[in-house]
PDB file of all heavy atoms in Angstrom:
ATOM      1  N   ARG A   1      -3.975  55.385 -40.488  1.00  0.00           N
ATOM      2  CA  ARG A   1      -2.936  56.412 -40.550  1.00  0.00           C
ATOM      3  C   ARG A   1      -2.035  56.287 -39.323  1.00  0.00           C
ATOM      4  O   ARG A   1      -2.509  56.210 -38.196  1.00  0.00           O
ATOM      5  CB  ARG A   1      -3.537  57.810 -40.622  1.00  0.00           C
ATOM      6  CG  ARG A   1      -2.496  58.923 -40.713  1.00  0.00           C
ATOM      7  CD  ARG A   1      -3.131  60.268 -40.972  1.00  0.00           C
ATOM      8  NE  ARG A   1      -3.723  60.314 -42.299  1.00  0.00           N
ATOM      9  CZ  ARG A   1      -3.047  60.548 -43.410  1.00  0.00           C
ATOM     10  NH1 ARG A   1      -1.729  60.741 -43.342  1.00  0.00           N
ATOM     11  NH2 ARG A   1      -3.653  60.580 -44.564  1.00  0.00           N
ATOM     12  N   VAL A   2      -0.720  56.247 -39.569  1.00  0.00           N
ATOM     13  CA  VAL A   2       0.265  56.180 -38.497  1.00  0.00           C
ATOM     14  C   VAL A   2       1.207  57.360 -38.667  1.00  0.00           C
ATOM     15  O   VAL A   2       2.041  57.380 -39.575  1.00  0.00           O
ATOM     16  CB  VAL A   2       1.049  54.853 -38.533  1.00  0.00           C
ATOM     17  CG1 VAL A   2       2.075  54.825 -37.411  1.00  0.00           C
ATOM     18  CG2 VAL A   2       0.105  53.664 -38.433  1.00  0.00           C
ATOM     19  N   GLY A   3       1.049  58.353 -37.799  1.00  0.00           N
ATOM     20  CA  GLY A   3       1.852  59.568 -37.954  1.00  0.00           C
ATOM     21  C   GLY A   3       1.521  60.248 -39.269  1.00  0.00           C
ATOM     22  O   GLY A   3       0.356  60.549 -39.565  1.00  0.00           O
ATOM     23  N   ASP A   4       2.558  60.458 -40.077  1.00  0.00           N
ATOM     24  CA  ASP A   4       2.354  61.091 -41.374  1.00  0.00           C
ATOM     25  C   ASP A   4       2.156  60.066 -42.498  1.00  0.00           C
ATOM     26  O   ASP A   4       2.027  60.438 -43.668  1.00  0.00           O
ATOM     27  CB  ASP A   4       3.566  61.980 -41.727  1.00  0.00           C
ATOM     28  CG  ASP A   4       3.698  63.167 -40.775  1.00  0.00           C
ATOM     29  OD1 ASP A   4       2.656  63.621 -40.265  1.00  0.00           O
ATOM     30  OD2 ASP A   4       4.842  63.612 -40.550  1.00  0.00           O
ATOM     31  N   GLY A   5       2.153  58.788 -42.144  1.00  0.00           N
ATOM     32  CA  GLY A   5       2.053  57.756 -43.170  1.00  0.00           C
ATOM     33  C   GLY A   5       0.789  56.927 -43.063  1.00  0.00           C
ATOM     34  O   GLY A   5      -0.041  57.126 -42.176  1.00  0.00           O
ATOM     35  N   ILE A   6       0.673  55.988 -44.025  1.00  0.00           N
ATOM     36  CA  ILE A   6      -0.465  55.085 -44.071  1.00  0.00           C
ATOM     37  C   ILE A   6       0.033  53.660 -43.857  1.00  0.00           C
ATOM     38  O   ILE A   6       1.034  53.241 -44.447  1.00  0.00           O
ATOM     39  CB  ILE A   6      -1.200  55.177 -45.425  1.00  0.00           C
ATOM     40  CG1 ILE A   6      -1.762  56.590 -45.627  1.00  0.00           C
ATOM     41  CG2 ILE A   6      -2.303  54.135 -45.511  1.00  0.00           C
ATOM     42  CD1 ILE A   6      -2.866  56.957 -44.652  1.00  0.00           C
ATOM     43  N   MET A   7      -0.652  52.906 -43.024  1.00  0.00           N
ATOM     44  CA  MET A   7      -0.284  51.522 -42.758  1.00  0.00           C
ATOM     45  C   MET A   7      -1.471  50.624 -43.073  1.00  0.00           C
ATOM     46  O   MET A   7      -2.613  50.931 -42.732  1.00  0.00           O
ATOM     47  CB  MET A   7       0.131  51.338 -41.294  1.00  0.00           C
ATOM     48  CG  MET A   7       0.493  49.915 -40.927  1.00  0.00           C
ATOM     49  SD  MET A   7       0.943  49.766 -39.182  1.00  0.00           S
ATOM     50  CE  MET A   7       1.294  48.020 -39.069  1.00  0.00           C
ATOM     51  N   THR A   8      -1.197  49.504 -43.749  1.00  0.00           N
ATOM     52  CA  THR A   8      -2.218  48.503 -44.030  1.00  0.00           C
ATOM     53  C   THR A   8      -1.879  47.233 -43.263  1.00  0.00           C
ATOM     54  O   THR A   8      -0.734  46.784 -43.283  1.00  0.00           O
ATOM     55  CB  THR A   8      -2.296  48.194 -45.530  1.00  0.00           C
ATOM     56  OG1 THR A   8      -2.581  49.399 -46.249  1.00  0.00           O
ATOM     57  CG2 THR A   8      -3.396  47.180 -45.821  1.00  0.00           C
ATOM     58  N   LEU A   9      -2.860  46.662 -42.591  1.00  0.00           N
ATOM     59  CA  LEU A   9      -2.640  45.466 -41.795  1.00  0.00           C
ATOM     60  C   LEU A   9      -3.755  44.473 -42.076  1.00  0.00           C
ATOM     61  O   LEU A   9      -4.934  44.836 -42.109  1.00  0.00           O
ATOM     62  CB  LEU A   9      -2.620  45.828 -40.305  1.00  0.00           C
ATOM     63  CG  LEU A   9      -2.438  44.661 -39.325  1.00  0.00           C
ATOM     64  CD1 LEU A   9      -1.040  44.066 -39.473  1.00  0.00           C
ATOM     65  CD2 LEU A   9      -2.669  45.130 -37.895  1.00  0.00           C
ATOM     66  N   SER A  10      -3.386  43.216 -42.321  1.00  0.00           N
ATOM     67  CA  SER A  10      -4.367  42.153 -42.553  1.00  0.00           C
ATOM     68  C   SER A  10      -4.360  41.190 -41.371  1.00  0.00           C
ATOM     69  O   SER A  10      -3.321  40.941 -40.763  1.00  0.00           O
ATOM     70  CB  SER A  10      -4.038  41.381 -43.836  1.00  0.00           C
ATOM     71  OG  SER A  10      -4.020  42.247 -44.949  1.00  0.00           O
ATOM     72  N   GLU A  11      -5.537  40.633 -41.077  1.00  0.00           N
ATOM     73  CA  GLU A  11      -5.657  39.646 -40.019  1.00  0.00           C
ATOM     74  C   GLU A  11      -6.533  38.510 -40.522  1.00  0.00           C
ATOM     75  O   GLU A  11      -7.552  38.738 -41.184  1.00  0.00           O
ATOM     76  CB  GLU A  11      -6.279  40.273 -38.774  1.00  0.00           C
ATOM     77  CG  GLU A  11      -6.340  39.322 -37.582  1.00  0.00           C
ATOM     78  CD  GLU A  11      -6.956  39.988 -36.366  1.00  0.00           C
ATOM     79  OE1 GLU A  11      -8.189  40.161 -36.363  1.00  0.00           O
ATOM     80  OE2 GLU A  11      -6.210  40.329 -35.436  1.00  0.00           O
ATOM     81  N   ALA A  12      -6.123  37.280 -40.252  1.00  0.00           N
ATOM     82  CA  ALA A  12      -6.864  36.109 -40.729  1.00  0.00           C
ATOM     83  C   ALA A  12      -7.260  35.225 -39.559  1.00  0.00           C
ATOM     84  O   ALA A  12      -6.497  35.043 -38.601  1.00  0.00           O
ATOM     85  CB  ALA A  12      -6.011  35.311 -41.715  1.00  0.00           C
ATOM     86  N   VAL A  13      -8.471  34.664 -39.665  1.00  0.00           N
ATOM     87  CA  VAL A  13      -8.971  33.691 -38.695  1.00  0.00           C
ATOM     88  C   VAL A  13      -9.348  32.440 -39.473  1.00  0.00           C
ATOM     89  O   VAL A  13     -10.081  32.511 -40.459  1.00  0.00           O
ATOM     90  CB  VAL A  13     -10.204  34.223 -37.934  1.00  0.00           C
ATOM     91  CG1 VAL A  13     -10.743  33.148 -36.982  1.00  0.00           C
ATOM     92  CG2 VAL A  13      -9.867  35.489 -37.183  1.00  0.00           C
ATOM     93  N   VAL A  14      -8.843  31.279 -39.051  1.00  0.00           N
ATOM     94  CA  VAL A  14      -9.160  30.013 -39.695  1.00  0.00           C
ATOM     95  C   VAL A  14      -9.646  29.041 -38.624  1.00  0.00           C
ATOM     96  O   VAL A  14      -8.987  28.877 -37.581  1.00  0.00           O
ATOM     97  CB  VAL A  14      -7.936  29.418 -40.429  1.00  0.00           C
ATOM     98  CG1 VAL A  14      -8.286  28.054 -41.027  1.00  0.00           C
ATOM     99  CG2 VAL A  14      -7.455  30.357 -41.523  1.00  0.00           C
ATOM    100  N   VAL A  15     -10.791  28.409 -38.880  1.00  0.00           N
ATOM    101  CA  VAL A  15     -11.335  27.415 -37.960  1.00  0.00           C
ATOM    102  C   VAL A  15     -11.328  26.067 -38.668  1.00  0.00           C
ATOM    103  O   VAL A  15     -11.905  25.922 -39.755  1.00  0.00           O
ATOM    104  CB  VAL A  15     -12.769  27.765 -37.523  1.00  0.00           C
ATOM    105  CG1 VAL A  15     -13.321  26.688 -36.580  1.00  0.00           C
ATOM    106  CG2 VAL A  15     -12.798  29.128 -36.846  1.00  0.00           C
ATOM    107  N   VAL A  16     -10.665  25.084 -38.078  1.00  0.00           N
ATOM    108  CA  VAL A  16     -10.570  23.752 -38.681  1.00  0.00           C
ATOM    109  C   VAL A  16     -11.074  22.712 -37.696  1.00  0.00           C
ATOM    110  O   VAL A  16     -11.041  22.915 -36.468  1.00  0.00           O
ATOM    111  CB  VAL A  16      -9.119  23.407 -39.108  1.00  0.00           C
ATOM    112  CG1 VAL A  16      -8.627  24.379 -40.160  1.00  0.00           C
ATOM    113  CG2 VAL A  16      -8.183  23.394 -37.918  1.00  0.00           C
ATOM    114  N   LEU A  17     -11.528  21.596 -38.258  1.00  0.00           N
ATOM    115  CA  LEU A  17     -11.953  20.453 -37.462  1.00  0.00           C
ATOM    116  C   LEU A  17     -10.926  19.345 -37.624  1.00  0.00           C
ATOM    117  O   LEU A  17     -10.693  18.862 -38.739  1.00  0.00           O
ATOM    118  CB  LEU A  17     -13.324  19.969 -37.926  1.00  0.00           C
ATOM    119  CG  LEU A  17     -13.992  18.861 -37.086  1.00  0.00           C
ATOM    120  CD1 LEU A  17     -14.331  19.375 -35.693  1.00  0.00           C
ATOM    121  CD2 LEU A  17     -15.244  18.350 -37.798  1.00  0.00           C
ATOM    122  N   ILE A  18     -10.258  18.972 -36.517  1.00  0.00           N
ATOM    123  CA  ILE A  18      -9.205  17.960 -36.535  1.00  0.00           C
ATOM    124  C   ILE A  18      -9.510  16.923 -35.462  1.00  0.00           C
ATOM    125  O   ILE A  18      -9.626  17.265 -34.272  1.00  0.00           O
ATOM    126  CB  ILE A  18      -7.813  18.573 -36.265  1.00  0.00           C
ATOM    127  CG1 ILE A  18      -7.504  19.714 -37.242  1.00  0.00           C
ATOM    128  CG2 ILE A  18      -6.730  17.509 -36.367  1.00  0.00           C
ATOM    129  CD1 ILE A  18      -6.252  20.475 -36.901  1.00  0.00           C
ATOM    130  N   ASP A  19      -9.653  15.686 -35.893  1.00  0.00           N
ATOM    131  CA  ASP A  19      -9.922  14.597 -34.943  1.00  0.00           C
ATOM    132  C   ASP A  19     -11.112  14.923 -34.040  1.00  0.00           C
ATOM    133  O   ASP A  19     -11.089  14.686 -32.824  1.00  0.00           O
ATOM    134  CB  ASP A  19      -8.681  14.308 -34.092  1.00  0.00           C
ATOM    135  CG  ASP A  19      -7.512  13.806 -34.937  1.00  0.00           C
ATOM    136  OD1 ASP A  19      -7.776  13.168 -35.984  1.00  0.00           O
ATOM    137  OD2 ASP A  19      -6.357  14.049 -34.550  1.00  0.00           O
ATOM    138  N   GLY A  20     -12.144  15.535 -34.641  1.00  0.00           N
ATOM    139  CA  GLY A  20     -13.360  15.835 -33.900  1.00  0.00           C
ATOM    140  C   GLY A  20     -13.311  17.089 -33.063  1.00  0.00           C
ATOM    141  O   GLY A  20     -14.303  17.450 -32.419  1.00  0.00           O
ATOM    142  N   GLN A  21     -12.202  17.795 -33.039  1.00  0.00           N
ATOM    143  CA  GLN A  21     -12.071  19.017 -32.246  1.00  0.00           C
ATOM    144  C   GLN A  21     -11.966  20.238 -33.155  1.00  0.00           C
ATOM    145  O   GLN A  21     -11.294  20.205 -34.187  1.00  0.00           O
ATOM    146  CB  GLN A  21     -10.832  18.949 -31.360  1.00  0.00           C
ATOM    147  CG  GLN A  21     -10.905  17.902 -30.256  1.00  0.00           C
ATOM    148  CD  GLN A  21      -9.732  18.017 -29.303  1.00  0.00           C
ATOM    149  OE1 GLN A  21      -8.681  18.537 -29.651  1.00  0.00           O
ATOM    150  NE2 GLN A  21      -9.913  17.539 -28.078  1.00  0.00           N
ATOM    151  N   ARG A  22     -12.664  21.301 -32.764  1.00  0.00           N
ATOM    152  CA  ARG A  22     -12.578  22.566 -33.508  1.00  0.00           C
ATOM    153  C   ARG A  22     -11.379  23.358 -32.989  1.00  0.00           C
ATOM    154  O   ARG A  22     -11.222  23.542 -31.778  1.00  0.00           O
ATOM    155  CB  ARG A  22     -13.865  23.393 -33.344  1.00  0.00           C
ATOM    156  CG  ARG A  22     -15.072  22.757 -34.017  1.00  0.00           C
ATOM    157  CD  ARG A  22     -16.352  23.465 -33.593  1.00  0.00           C
ATOM    158  NE  ARG A  22     -16.361  24.848 -34.040  1.00  0.00           N
ATOM    159  CZ  ARG A  22     -16.885  25.271 -35.197  1.00  0.00           C
ATOM    160  NH1 ARG A  22     -17.442  24.380 -36.019  1.00  0.00           N
ATOM    161  NH2 ARG A  22     -16.886  26.529 -35.523  1.00  0.00           N
ATOM    162  N   VAL A  23     -10.559  23.830 -33.915  1.00  0.00           N
ATOM    163  CA  VAL A  23      -9.373  24.608 -33.551  1.00  0.00           C
ATOM    164  C   VAL A  23      -9.444  25.949 -34.277  1.00  0.00           C
ATOM    165  O   VAL A  23      -9.627  25.991 -35.505  1.00  0.00           O
ATOM    166  CB  VAL A  23      -8.074  23.872 -33.941  1.00  0.00           C
ATOM    167  CG1 VAL A  23      -6.858  24.726 -33.597  1.00  0.00           C
ATOM    168  CG2 VAL A  23      -7.993  22.524 -33.252  1.00  0.00           C
ATOM    169  N   LEU A  24      -9.331  27.017 -33.541  1.00  0.00           N
ATOM    170  CA  LEU A  24      -9.363  28.368 -34.107  1.00  0.00           C
ATOM    171  C   LEU A  24      -7.960  28.965 -34.049  1.00  0.00           C
ATOM    172  O   LEU A  24      -7.327  28.965 -32.989  1.00  0.00           O
ATOM    173  CB  LEU A  24     -10.346  29.243 -33.345  1.00  0.00           C
ATOM    174  CG  LEU A  24     -10.528  30.682 -33.846  1.00  0.00           C
ATOM    175  CD1 LEU A  24     -11.964  31.154 -33.579  1.00  0.00           C
ATOM    176  CD2 LEU A  24      -9.548  31.653 -33.169  1.00  0.00           C
ATOM    177  N   SER A  25      -7.474  29.446 -35.179  1.00  0.00           N
ATOM    178  CA  SER A  25      -6.144  30.067 -35.245  1.00  0.00           C
ATOM    179  C   SER A  25      -6.257  31.458 -35.838  1.00  0.00           C
ATOM    180  O   SER A  25      -7.015  31.684 -36.794  1.00  0.00           O
ATOM    181  CB  SER A  25      -5.186  29.230 -36.095  1.00  0.00           C
ATOM    182  OG  SER A  25      -4.987  27.952 -35.526  1.00  0.00           O
ATOM    183  N   VAL A  26      -5.494  32.390 -35.279  1.00  0.00           N
ATOM    184  CA  VAL A  26      -5.495  33.781 -35.729  1.00  0.00           C
ATOM    185  C   VAL A  26      -4.069  34.199 -36.045  1.00  0.00           C
ATOM    186  O   VAL A  26      -3.132  33.850 -35.313  1.00  0.00           O
ATOM    187  CB  VAL A  26      -6.081  34.724 -34.660  1.00  0.00           C
ATOM    188  CG1 VAL A  26      -6.098  36.160 -35.164  1.00  0.00           C
ATOM    189  CG2 VAL A  26      -7.472  34.266 -34.260  1.00  0.00           C
ATOM    190  N   SER A  27      -3.907  34.941 -37.111  1.00  0.00           N
ATOM    191  CA  SER A  27      -2.569  35.452 -37.446  1.00  0.00           C
ATOM    192  C   SER A  27      -2.707  36.760 -38.200  1.00  0.00           C
ATOM    193  O   SER A  27      -3.708  36.999 -38.887  1.00  0.00           O
ATOM    194  CB  SER A  27      -1.807  34.427 -38.301  1.00  0.00           C
ATOM    195  OG  SER A  27      -0.477  34.848 -38.503  1.00  0.00           O
ATOM    196  N   GLU A  28      -1.708  37.606 -38.048  1.00  0.00           N
ATOM    197  CA  GLU A  28      -1.696  38.857 -38.801  1.00  0.00           C
ATOM    198  C   GLU A  28      -0.588  38.821 -39.832  1.00  0.00           C
ATOM    199  O   GLU A  28       0.247  37.911 -39.852  1.00  0.00           O
ATOM    200  CB  GLU A  28      -1.521  40.056 -37.873  1.00  0.00           C
ATOM    201  CG  GLU A  28      -0.235  40.076 -37.073  1.00  0.00           C
ATOM    202  CD  GLU A  28      -0.148  41.280 -36.142  1.00  0.00           C
ATOM    203  OE1 GLU A  28      -1.174  41.953 -35.938  1.00  0.00           O
ATOM    204  OE2 GLU A  28       0.957  41.548 -35.637  1.00  0.00           O
ATOM    205  N   SER A  29      -0.570  39.823 -40.680  1.00  0.00           N
ATOM    206  CA  SER A  29       0.283  39.794 -41.865  1.00  0.00           C
ATOM    207  C   SER A  29       1.652  40.420 -41.668  1.00  0.00           C
ATOM    208  O   SER A  29       2.446  40.461 -42.613  1.00  0.00           O
ATOM    209  CB  SER A  29      -0.423  40.511 -43.021  1.00  0.00           C
ATOM    210  OG  SER A  29      -0.800  41.833 -42.624  1.00  0.00           O
ATOM    211  N   LEU A  30       1.947  40.897 -40.486  1.00  0.00           N
ATOM    212  CA  LEU A  30       3.264  41.489 -40.265  1.00  0.00           C
ATOM    213  C   LEU A  30       4.299  40.380 -40.079  1.00  0.00           C
ATOM    214  O   LEU A  30       4.048  39.397 -39.376  1.00  0.00           O
ATOM    215  CB  LEU A  30       3.257  42.388 -39.032  1.00  0.00           C
ATOM    216  CG  LEU A  30       2.374  43.638 -39.090  1.00  0.00           C
ATOM    217  CD1 LEU A  30       2.498  44.419 -37.791  1.00  0.00           C
ATOM    218  CD2 LEU A  30       2.746  44.520 -40.275  1.00  0.00           C
ATOM    219  N   ASP A  31       5.466  40.552 -40.702  1.00  0.00           N
ATOM    220  CA  ASP A  31       6.532  39.579 -40.491  1.00  0.00           C
ATOM    221  C   ASP A  31       7.344  39.965 -39.256  1.00  0.00           C
ATOM    222  O   ASP A  31       6.996  40.918 -38.533  1.00  0.00           O
ATOM    223  CB  ASP A  31       7.422  39.441 -41.733  1.00  0.00           C
ATOM    224  CG  ASP A  31       8.161  40.727 -42.092  1.00  0.00           C
ATOM    225  OD1 ASP A  31       8.217  41.650 -41.252  1.00  0.00           O
ATOM    226  OD2 ASP A  31       8.693  40.817 -43.222  1.00  0.00           O
TER     227      ASP A  31
END
């Protein structure tokens, strides 16, 4: 709840293996 309204927010975490290294990336859904 934000003030008198409702807000929905998504957050994503992706972990990938590239050239033997683990990379963690985070992003949210707001533009």
